[in-house]
C-alpha atoms as a PDB file:
ATOM      1  CA  MET A   1       0.021  -0.008   0.006  1.00  0.00           C
ATOM      2  CA  PRO A   2       1.613   3.343  -1.024  1.00  0.00           C
ATOM      3  CA  SER A   3       2.100   6.015   1.637  1.00  0.00           C
ATOM      4  CA  ILE A   4       0.410   9.388   1.231  1.00  0.00           C
ATOM      5  CA  ALA A   5       3.832  10.970   0.714  1.00  0.00           C
ATOM      6  CA  SER A   6       4.442   8.753  -2.339  1.00  0.00           C
ATOM      7  CA  ASP A   7       1.058   9.549  -3.959  1.00  0.00           C
ATOM      8  CA  PRO A   8       0.861  13.282  -4.766  1.00  0.00           C
ATOM      9  CA  ALA A   9      -2.836  13.064  -5.753  1.00  0.00           C
ATOM     10  CA  GLN A  10      -3.768  11.457  -2.436  1.00  0.00           C
ATOM     11  CA  HIS A  11      -1.625  13.936  -0.575  1.00  0.00           C
ATOM     12  CA  ASN A  12      -3.395  16.893  -2.338  1.00  0.00           C
ATOM     13  CA  SER A  13      -6.761  15.329  -1.566  1.00  0.00           C
ATOM     14  CA  ASN A  14      -5.869  14.874   2.102  1.00  0.00           C
ATOM     15  CA  THR A  15      -4.567  18.468   2.326  1.00  0.00           C
ATOM     16  CA  LYS A  16      -7.796  19.816   0.875  1.00  0.00           C
ATOM     17  CA  MET A  17      -9.839  17.684   3.309  1.00  0.00           C
ATOM     18  CA  CYS A  18      -7.811  18.900   6.240  1.00  0.00           C
ATOM     19  CA  CYS A  19      -8.424  22.538   5.132  1.00  0.00           C
ATOM     20  CA  VAL A  20     -12.167  21.847   4.834  1.00  0.00           C
ATOM     21  CA  ILE A  21     -12.196  20.357   8.383  1.00  0.00           C
ATOM     22  CA  ILE A  22     -10.326  23.285   9.785  1.00  0.00           C
ATOM     23  CA  MET A  23     -12.729  25.713   8.039  1.00  0.00           C
ATOM     24  CA  LEU A  24     -15.767  23.872   9.356  1.00  0.00           C
ATOM     25  CA  PHE A  25     -14.355  24.171  12.852  1.00  0.00           C
ATOM     26  CA  TYR A  26     -13.978  27.919  12.338  1.00  0.00           C
ATOM     27  CA  LEU A  27     -17.570  28.152  11.141  1.00  0.00           C
ATOM     28  CA  LEU A  28     -18.825  26.212  14.139  1.00  0.00           C
ATOM     29  CA  ALA A  29     -16.673  28.337  16.441  1.00  0.00           C
ATOM     30  CA  ILE A  30     -17.976  31.678  15.157  1.00  0.00           C
ATOM     31  CA  ALA A  31     -21.646  30.691  15.559  1.00  0.00           C
ATOM     32  CA  THR A  32     -23.344  33.144  17.846  1.00  0.00           C
ATOM     33  CA  GLY A  33     -26.543  33.337  19.864  1.00  0.00           C
ATOM     34  CA  ASP A  34     -26.741  29.662  20.595  1.00  0.00           C
ATOM     35  CA  GLY A  35     -24.521  29.377  23.675  1.00  0.00           C
ATOM     36  CA  SER A  36     -21.449  28.635  21.583  1.00  0.00           C
ATOM     37  CA  THR A  37     -19.422  31.423  23.207  1.00  0.00           C
ATOM     38  CA  PRO A  38     -18.989  31.987  26.878  1.00  0.00           C
ATOM     39  CA  PRO A  39     -19.990  35.388  28.299  1.00  0.00           C
ATOM     40  CA  ARG A  40     -17.443  38.051  27.323  1.00  0.00           C
ATOM     41  CA  THR A  41     -16.493  38.734  30.901  1.00  0.00           C
ATOM     42  CA  GLY A  42     -13.058  38.231  32.367  1.00  0.00           C
ATOM     43  CA  GLN A  43     -10.103  40.269  33.471  1.00  0.00           C
ATOM     44  CA  HIS A  44      -6.587  41.346  32.589  1.00  0.00           C
ATOM     45  CA  ALA A  45      -3.311  40.351  34.132  1.00  0.00           C
ATOM     46  CA  ASN A  46      -0.079  42.312  33.774  1.00  0.00           C
ATOM     47  CA  ILE A  47       2.265  39.779  32.220  1.00  0.00           C
ATOM     48  CA  GLY A  48       5.651  41.164  31.251  1.00  0.00           C
ATOM     49  CA  ASN A  49       4.896  44.350  29.357  1.00  0.00           C
ATOM     50  CA  ILE A  50       1.401  43.459  28.118  1.00  0.00           C
ATOM     51  CA  GLN A  51      -2.104  42.925  29.386  1.00  0.00           C
ATOM     52  CA  VAL A  52      -3.335  39.288  28.956  1.00  0.00           C
ATOM     53  CA  TRP A  53      -7.045  38.851  29.101  1.00  0.00           C
ATOM     54  CA  TYR A  54      -8.246  35.622  30.808  1.00  0.00           C
ATOM     55  CA  ASN A  55     -11.340  34.064  32.318  1.00  0.00           C
ATOM     56  CA  ILE A  56     -11.947  31.132  34.575  1.00  0.00           C
ATOM     57  CA  TYR A  57     -15.016  28.881  34.570  1.00  0.00           C
ATOM     58  CA  GLU A  58     -14.730  26.627  37.535  1.00  0.00           C
ATOM     59  CA  PRO A  59     -15.558  24.468  40.260  1.00  0.00           C
ATOM     60  CA  GLU A  60     -13.058  26.118  42.626  1.00  0.00           C
ATOM     61  CA  HIS A  61     -11.070  22.856  43.202  1.00  0.00           C
ATOM     62  CA  GLY A  62     -11.331  21.351  39.743  1.00  0.00           C
ATOM     63  CA  THR A  63      -8.349  20.163  37.796  1.00  0.00           C
ATOM     64  CA  PRO A  64      -7.338  23.059  35.549  1.00  0.00           C
ATOM     65  CA  ILE A  65      -7.608  22.931  31.752  1.00  0.00           C
ATOM     66  CA  LEU A  66      -6.125  25.796  29.782  1.00  0.00           C
ATOM     67  CA  PHE A  67      -7.614  26.378  26.300  1.00  0.00           C
ATOM     68  CA  LEU A  68      -5.278  28.089  23.802  1.00  0.00           C
ATOM     69  CA  HIS A  69      -6.975  29.434  20.644  1.00  0.00           C
ATOM     70  CA  GLY A  70      -5.754  29.615  17.041  1.00  0.00           C
ATOM     71  CA  ASP A  71      -4.317  32.631  15.309  1.00  0.00           C
ATOM     72  CA  PHE A  72      -6.534  35.705  14.821  1.00  0.00           C
ATOM     73  CA  THR A  73      -9.227  34.376  17.198  1.00  0.00           C
ATOM     74  CA  ASN A  74      -9.844  34.618  20.939  1.00  0.00           C
ATOM     75  CA  GLY A  75     -10.888  32.637  24.017  1.00  0.00           C
ATOM     76  CA  ASP A  76     -14.554  32.856  23.121  1.00  0.00           C
ATOM     77  CA  TYR A  77     -14.082  30.246  20.476  1.00  0.00           C
ATOM     78  CA  TRP A  78     -13.915  27.579  23.211  1.00  0.00           C
ATOM     79  CA  GLY A  79     -17.565  28.051  24.266  1.00  0.00           C
ATOM     80  CA  PHE A  80     -18.829  24.568  23.481  1.00  0.00           C
ATOM     81  CA  GLN A  81     -15.903  22.843  25.222  1.00  0.00           C
ATOM     82  CA  ILE A  82     -16.148  25.045  28.294  1.00  0.00           C
ATOM     83  CA  GLU A  83     -19.900  24.441  28.500  1.00  0.00           C
ATOM     84  CA  ASP A  84     -19.308  20.698  28.502  1.00  0.00           C
ATOM     85  CA  LEU A  85     -16.383  20.664  30.979  1.00  0.00           C
ATOM     86  CA  LYS A  86     -16.855  23.555  33.421  1.00  0.00           C
ATOM     87  CA  SER A  87     -18.894  21.553  35.922  1.00  0.00           C
ATOM     88  CA  SER A  88     -15.975  19.108  36.407  1.00  0.00           C
ATOM     89  CA  TYR A  89     -12.808  21.064  35.515  1.00  0.00           C
ATOM     90  CA  LYS A  90     -11.499  24.516  36.158  1.00  0.00           C
ATOM     91  CA  CYS A  91     -11.601  25.826  32.573  1.00  0.00           C
ATOM     92  CA  ILE A  92      -9.261  28.715  31.817  1.00  0.00           C
ATOM     93  CA  VAL A  93      -9.261  30.682  28.627  1.00  0.00           C
ATOM     94  CA  MET A  94      -6.841  33.442  27.687  1.00  0.00           C
ATOM     95  CA  ASP A  95      -6.461  35.639  24.618  1.00  0.00           C
ATOM     96  CA  SER A  96      -2.997  35.387  23.057  1.00  0.00           C
ATOM     97  CA  ARG A  97      -0.818  38.438  22.720  1.00  0.00           C
ATOM     98  CA  GLY A  98      -2.207  40.976  20.279  1.00  0.00           C
ATOM     99  CA  GLN A  99      -5.419  38.995  19.760  1.00  0.00           C
ATOM    100  CA  GLY A 100      -8.836  39.211  21.273  1.00  0.00           C
ATOM    101  CA  ARG A 101      -8.735  41.410  24.354  1.00  0.00           C
ATOM    102  CA  SER A 102      -4.952  41.038  25.066  1.00  0.00           C
ATOM    103  CA  THR A 103      -2.521  43.757  24.160  1.00  0.00           C
ATOM    104  CA  SER A 104       0.824  43.435  22.377  1.00  0.00           C
ATOM    105  CA  SER A 105       4.197  45.104  22.582  1.00  0.00           C
ATOM    106  CA  ALA A 106       6.840  46.256  20.038  1.00  0.00           C
ATOM    107  CA  ALA A 107       8.414  42.748  20.202  1.00  0.00           C
ATOM    108  CA  SER A 108       7.875  40.467  17.232  1.00  0.00           C
ATOM    109  CA  ILE A 109       5.307  37.812  18.154  1.00  0.00           C
ATOM    110  CA  THR A 110       6.855  34.357  18.259  1.00  0.00           C
ATOM    111  CA  TYR A 111       5.667  31.015  19.600  1.00  0.00           C
ATOM    112  CA  HIS A 112       8.296  31.261  22.305  1.00  0.00           C
ATOM    113  CA  LEU A 113       7.122  34.653  23.356  1.00  0.00           C
ATOM    114  CA  MET A 114       3.460  33.449  23.405  1.00  0.00           C
ATOM    115  CA  MET A 115       4.611  30.493  25.528  1.00  0.00           C
ATOM    116  CA  THR A 116       6.174  32.867  28.066  1.00  0.00           C
ATOM    117  CA  ASP A 117       2.912  34.689  28.228  1.00  0.00           C
ATOM    118  CA  VAL A 118       1.170  31.412  29.075  1.00  0.00           C
ATOM    119  CA  VAL A 119       3.738  30.591  31.782  1.00  0.00           C
ATOM    120  CA  GLY A 120       3.362  34.176  33.201  1.00  0.00           C
ATOM    121  CA  THR A 121      -0.393  33.852  33.202  1.00  0.00           C
ATOM    122  CA  LEU A 122      -0.305  30.454  34.921  1.00  0.00           C
ATOM    123  CA  ASP A 123       2.187  31.860  37.548  1.00  0.00           C
ATOM    124  CA  TYR A 124      -0.079  34.903  38.038  1.00  0.00           C
ATOM    125  CA  LEU A 125      -3.072  32.609  38.643  1.00  0.00           C
ATOM    126  CA  GLY A 126      -0.999  30.395  41.040  1.00  0.00           C
ATOM    127  CA  ILE A 127      -1.531  27.321  38.818  1.00  0.00           C
ATOM    128  CA  ASN A 128       1.382  24.938  38.956  1.00  0.00           C
ATOM    129  CA  ARG A 129       0.157  22.170  36.582  1.00  0.00           C
ATOM    130  CA  VAL A 130      -2.493  22.234  33.904  1.00  0.00           C
ATOM    131  CA  HIS A 131      -4.036  20.177  31.045  1.00  0.00           C
ATOM    132  CA  ILE A 132      -3.560  22.022  27.818  1.00  0.00           C
ATOM    133  CA  VAL A 133      -5.978  21.985  24.855  1.00  0.00           C
ATOM    134  CA  GLY A 134      -4.491  23.889  21.919  1.00  0.00           C
ATOM    135  CA  TRP A 135      -5.836  24.631  18.474  1.00  0.00           C
ATOM    136  CA  SER A 136      -3.598  25.700  15.571  1.00  0.00           C
ATOM    137  CA  ASP A 137      -1.188  28.386  17.003  1.00  0.00           C
ATOM    138  CA  GLY A 138      -2.440  27.472  20.458  1.00  0.00           C
ATOM    139  CA  ALA A 139      -1.389  23.863  19.897  1.00  0.00           C
ATOM    140  CA  ILE A 140       2.122  24.960  18.792  1.00  0.00           C
ATOM    141  CA  VAL A 141       2.302  27.125  21.937  1.00  0.00           C
ATOM    142  CA  GLY A 142       1.220  23.995  23.845  1.00  0.00           C
ATOM    143  CA  PHE A 143       4.033  21.979  22.199  1.00  0.00           C
ATOM    144  CA  ASN A 144       6.531  24.618  23.242  1.00  0.00           C
ATOM    145  CA  LEU A 145       5.212  24.559  26.806  1.00  0.00           C
ATOM    146  CA  ALA A 146       5.425  20.797  27.032  1.00  0.00           C
ATOM    147  CA  ILE A 147       8.976  20.777  25.699  1.00  0.00           C
ATOM    148  CA  ASN A 148      10.295  23.707  27.789  1.00  0.00           C
ATOM    149  CA  TYR A 149       8.145  23.357  30.962  1.00  0.00           C
ATOM    150  CA  PRO A 150       7.135  19.671  31.125  1.00  0.00           C
ATOM    151  CA  ASN A 151       6.546  20.034  34.929  1.00  0.00           C
ATOM    152  CA  LYS A 152       3.710  22.459  34.227  1.00  0.00           C
ATOM    153  CA  VAL A 153       1.856  20.226  31.756  1.00  0.00           C
ATOM    154  CA  ILE A 154      -0.380  17.365  32.997  1.00  0.00           C
ATOM    155  CA  SER A 155      -1.382  16.525  29.378  1.00  0.00           C
ATOM    156  CA  LEU A 156      -1.522  18.205  25.974  1.00  0.00           C
ATOM    157  CA  PHE A 157      -4.265  17.784  23.343  1.00  0.00           C
ATOM    158  CA  ALA A 158      -3.074  19.549  20.149  1.00  0.00           C
ATOM    159  CA  PHE A 159      -4.973  19.783  16.907  1.00  0.00           C
ATOM    160  CA  ALA A 160      -4.619  21.631  13.605  1.00  0.00           C
ATOM    161  CA  ALA A 161      -0.922  22.255  14.408  1.00  0.00           C
ATOM    162  CA  ASN A 162       2.298  21.751  12.663  1.00  0.00           C
ATOM    163  CA  TYR A 163       5.746  22.001  14.098  1.00  0.00           C
ATOM    164  CA  ILE A 164       7.823  22.075  10.984  1.00  0.00           C
ATOM    165  CA  ILE A 165       7.458  24.892   8.427  1.00  0.00           C
ATOM    166  CA  SER A 166       7.244  22.362   5.608  1.00  0.00           C
ATOM    167  CA  GLY A 167       3.940  21.236   7.069  1.00  0.00           C
ATOM    168  CA  VAL A 168       2.357  24.665   6.366  1.00  0.00           C
ATOM    169  CA  LYS A 169       0.013  24.700   3.366  1.00  0.00           C
ATOM    170  CA  GLU A 170      -0.987  27.929   1.650  1.00  0.00           C
ATOM    171  CA  ILE A 171      -4.654  28.496   2.420  1.00  0.00           C
ATOM    172  CA  GLY A 172      -4.841  32.195   1.635  1.00  0.00           C
ATOM    173  CA  SER A 173      -6.521  31.383  -1.671  1.00  0.00           C
ATOM    174  CA  PHE A 174      -9.450  29.649   0.048  1.00  0.00           C
ATOM    175  CA  ALA A 175     -12.430  31.979   0.066  1.00  0.00           C
ATOM    176  CA  LEU A 176     -13.661  30.524   3.358  1.00  0.00           C
ATOM    177  CA  PHE A 177     -10.435  31.304   5.101  1.00  0.00           C
ATOM    178  CA  ASN A 178     -10.473  34.893   3.792  1.00  0.00           C
ATOM    179  CA  GLU A 179     -14.016  35.217   5.115  1.00  0.00           C
ATOM    180  CA  HIS A 180     -12.754  33.979   8.464  1.00  0.00           C
ATOM    181  CA  LEU A 181     -10.003  36.646   8.450  1.00  0.00           C
ATOM    182  CA  THR A 182     -12.533  39.345   7.721  1.00  0.00           C
ATOM    183  CA  HIS A 183     -14.791  38.047  10.543  1.00  0.00           C
ATOM    184  CA  THR A 184     -11.899  37.970  13.010  1.00  0.00           C
ATOM    185  CA  GLU A 185     -10.736  41.470  12.101  1.00  0.00           C
ATOM    186  CA  ILE A 186     -14.272  42.796  12.829  1.00  0.00           C
ATOM    187  CA  GLU A 187     -14.432  40.766  15.985  1.00  0.00           C
ATOM    188  CA  TYR A 188     -10.978  42.091  17.113  1.00  0.00           C
ATOM    189  CA  GLY A 189     -12.240  45.633  16.620  1.00  0.00           C
ATOM    190  CA  GLN A 190     -15.251  44.911  18.871  1.00  0.00           C
ATOM    191  CA  LEU A 191     -13.111  43.390  21.666  1.00  0.00           C
ATOM    192  CA  ASN A 192      -9.955  45.470  21.718  1.00  0.00           C
ATOM    193  CA  SER A 193      -9.597  49.245  21.594  1.00  0.00           C
ATOM    194  CA  VAL A 194      -5.958  48.998  20.367  1.00  0.00           C
ATOM    195  CA  PRO A 195      -6.000  49.098  16.583  1.00  0.00           C
ATOM    196  CA  ASN A 196      -3.229  46.611  15.850  1.00  0.00           C
ATOM    197  CA  TYR A 197      -5.013  43.680  14.228  1.00  0.00           C
END
């Protein structure tokens, strides 16, 4: 049986299917008015030289799960997961640097820098160990956290991530992805008063 790598037609078909699945997740995540997003409450923590927005849905003594969103989005995208888990787990969402309600700095945004924001936020909240659920860029940040701070990670569930640049596929030509970017830019403007989308 040939591997996907040895069959370019199958590889292209799988790539397209992955893009469709990711876009469907985006569409489900941006649904509104049906309980899919948690209330837009929360607070900011001074982490380094930025303000990181976070919110906690909890039983006070539940095992913590930190949800890390994908690029251009925000913590509200985890609404369905939080709704299902918040009665048993301490569910924590945060907006990544320069996204959602979090601010940025003059520093170039890197996965390592976003990881240090996560570590700073966990330290600020007094959380020593956490389950991580990461989507896209959030999953890559989760990988970095597991590699560099394994003592902080109970487990990691990562999806829609790549860790090698050769794994990146150009999706800018997909109309659905471009619609998503337009949506997230509008959403950012509604959530954050700093015009640096």
